[in-house]
Amino acid sequence: MSSVVLEHDLPGDTATVFEWFVDPVLLTRWWPTEAETDPVVGGRYRLYWDGPDVTLRGEYLTVAPGERLGFTWSWDHDDLPPRVVDVTFSSSDRGTLVTVTHESETDDESRGYVDGWTHFLGRLDAGITAA
């Protein structure tokens, strides 16, 4: 198993940016159409997109507000085993450097994660900037 790693420098302090990853109201401003979260270790999340009618589910593995968020990643429509995603939050000149590490198995899967995270981290940047 390999991983893809992406970084994005965002405005806002680490605690604020972390909330954009776990608060259902904030999540739906940049990522899914609907979100349910229980951001505690062992808690579950469900993200739903109505356009493509897809659901992403998982369990929180690490929850350290303003520092780190780890979770499993499993699409309802896929038969792939769950992947692990680790997101770290560190202070930067702009505000917060977010580093996403996402497990993948194939080059195609890796490209999909890079494309998806690049797109949605851009939306997150725009959402935080507009807030």
Protein backbone atom coordinates (compact mmCIF):
# COMPACT_ATOMS: atom_id res chain seq x y z
CA MET A 1 0.00 0.00 0.00
CA SER A 2 1.29 3.46 -0.87
CA SER A 3 0.01 6.94 -0.11
CA VAL A 4 -0.45 10.25 -1.84
CA VAL A 5 0.51 13.38 0.06
CA LEU A 6 -0.89 16.84 -0.67
CA GLU A 7 -0.29 20.15 1.04
CA HIS A 8 -2.41 23.29 0.94
CA ASP A 9 -1.77 26.53 2.79
CA LEU A 10 -5.03 27.98 4.09
CA PRO A 11 -6.05 31.20 5.84
CA GLY A 12 -7.08 30.89 9.48
CA ASP A 13 -5.54 29.39 12.58
CA THR A 14 -5.22 25.63 12.99
CA ALA A 15 -8.22 25.30 15.34
CA THR A 16 -10.50 27.12 12.88
CA VAL A 17 -9.32 25.14 9.85
CA PHE A 18 -9.72 21.88 11.80
CA GLU A 19 -13.40 22.78 12.43
CA TRP A 20 -13.97 23.02 8.66
CA PHE A 21 -13.12 19.29 8.51
CA VAL A 22 -15.44 18.11 11.30
CA ASP A 23 -18.36 20.55 11.64
CA PRO A 24 -21.24 19.35 9.42
CA VAL A 25 -22.38 22.89 8.59
CA LEU A 26 -18.88 23.98 7.56
CA LEU A 27 -18.20 20.72 5.69
CA THR A 28 -21.20 21.26 3.42
CA ARG A 29 -19.85 24.68 2.45
CA TRP A 30 -16.87 23.11 0.65
CA TRP A 31 -17.18 19.33 0.30
CA PRO A 32 -20.37 17.19 0.50
CA THR A 33 -24.02 18.13 0.07
CA GLU A 34 -24.90 16.54 3.45
CA ALA A 35 -22.69 15.65 6.40
CA GLU A 36 -23.09 13.77 9.67
CA THR A 37 -20.10 13.63 11.99
CA ASP A 38 -19.19 12.37 15.44
CA PRO A 39 -15.58 13.60 15.66
CA VAL A 40 -14.30 11.48 18.53
CA VAL A 41 -12.01 8.47 18.27
CA GLY A 42 -14.27 5.60 17.22
CA GLY A 43 -16.98 8.02 16.08
CA ARG A 44 -18.43 7.70 12.60
CA TYR A 45 -19.04 10.10 9.76
CA ARG A 46 -21.22 10.04 6.64
CA LEU A 47 -20.80 12.43 3.72
CA TYR A 48 -23.29 12.49 0.85
CA TRP A 49 -23.21 14.18 -2.58
CA ASP A 50 -26.59 14.51 -4.26
CA GLY A 51 -25.27 15.32 -7.77
CA PRO A 52 -23.52 12.00 -8.31
CA ASP A 53 -25.64 10.31 -5.58
CA VAL A 54 -22.65 8.88 -3.70
CA THR A 55 -21.92 8.36 -0.01
CA LEU A 56 -18.57 8.27 1.78
CA ARG A 57 -18.41 6.71 5.25
CA GLY A 58 -15.77 6.07 7.81
CA GLU A 59 -14.59 6.05 11.37
CA TYR A 60 -12.42 8.61 13.14
CA LEU A 61 -9.08 7.12 14.18
CA THR A 62 -7.34 10.25 15.50
CA VAL A 63 -9.01 13.44 16.69
CA ALA A 64 -6.62 16.09 18.00
CA PRO A 65 -8.32 19.47 17.42
CA GLY A 66 -6.08 21.92 15.61
CA GLU A 67 -3.38 19.28 15.14
CA ARG A 68 -4.45 16.06 13.47
CA LEU A 69 -7.44 14.17 12.11
CA GLY A 70 -7.29 10.55 11.00
CA PHE A 71 -10.16 8.56 9.53
CA THR A 72 -11.06 5.60 7.36
CA TRP A 73 -12.47 6.24 3.88
CA SER A 74 -14.98 3.93 2.22
CA TRP A 75 -17.40 4.69 -0.65
CA ASP A 76 -20.73 2.86 -0.55
CA HIS A 77 -20.51 2.17 -4.30
CA ASP A 78 -16.96 0.71 -4.16
CA ASP A 79 -15.83 -2.73 -3.11
CA LEU A 80 -12.34 -1.51 -2.17
CA PRO A 81 -11.23 -2.07 1.40
CA PRO A 82 -11.31 1.09 3.53
CA ARG A 83 -8.41 3.47 3.04
CA VAL A 84 -6.86 5.57 5.80
CA VAL A 85 -6.60 9.35 5.53
CA ASP A 86 -4.44 11.41 7.86
CA VAL A 87 -4.73 15.21 7.91
CA THR A 88 -2.29 17.36 9.88
CA PHE A 89 -2.67 21.04 10.67
CA SER A 90 0.42 23.19 11.33
CA SER A 91 0.90 26.93 11.61
CA SER A 92 2.17 28.74 8.53
CA ASP A 93 2.75 32.33 7.44
CA ARG A 94 -0.67 32.36 5.74
CA GLY A 95 -2.40 30.61 8.64
CA THR A 96 -2.50 26.81 8.46
CA LEU A 97 -0.63 24.31 6.34
CA VAL A 98 -2.89 21.29 5.83
CA THR A 99 -1.13 18.07 4.85
CA VAL A 100 -3.36 15.24 3.59
CA THR A 101 -1.92 11.72 3.41
CA HIS A 102 -4.32 9.30 1.69
CA GLU A 103 -3.66 5.58 1.29
CA SER A 104 -3.99 4.19 -2.21
CA GLU A 105 -3.16 0.99 -4.01
CA THR A 106 -2.97 1.81 -7.74
CA ASP A 107 -1.80 4.69 -9.90
CA ASP A 108 -5.38 5.33 -11.06
CA GLU A 109 -6.63 5.43 -7.49
CA SER A 110 -3.80 7.80 -6.52
CA ARG A 111 -4.59 10.14 -9.43
CA GLY A 112 -8.24 10.20 -8.37
CA TYR A 113 -7.33 11.16 -4.80
CA VAL A 114 -4.90 13.85 -5.97
CA ASP A 115 -7.51 15.31 -8.35
CA GLY A 116 -10.27 15.18 -5.73
CA TRP A 117 -8.28 16.64 -2.85
CA THR A 118 -6.78 19.35 -5.07
CA HIS A 119 -10.27 20.40 -6.19
CA PHE A 120 -11.88 20.32 -2.76
CA LEU A 121 -8.97 21.94 -0.89
CA GLY A 122 -9.30 24.81 -3.38
CA ARG A 123 -13.00 25.04 -2.49
CA LEU A 124 -12.08 24.96 1.21
CA ASP A 125 -9.64 27.83 0.66
CA ALA A 126 -12.37 29.87 -1.10
CA GLY A 127 -14.90 29.02 1.64
CA ILE A 128 -12.62 30.09 4.49
CA THR A 129 -11.59 33.23 2.63
CA ALA A 130 -15.24 34.18 2.06
CA ALA A 131 -16.31 33.45 5.66
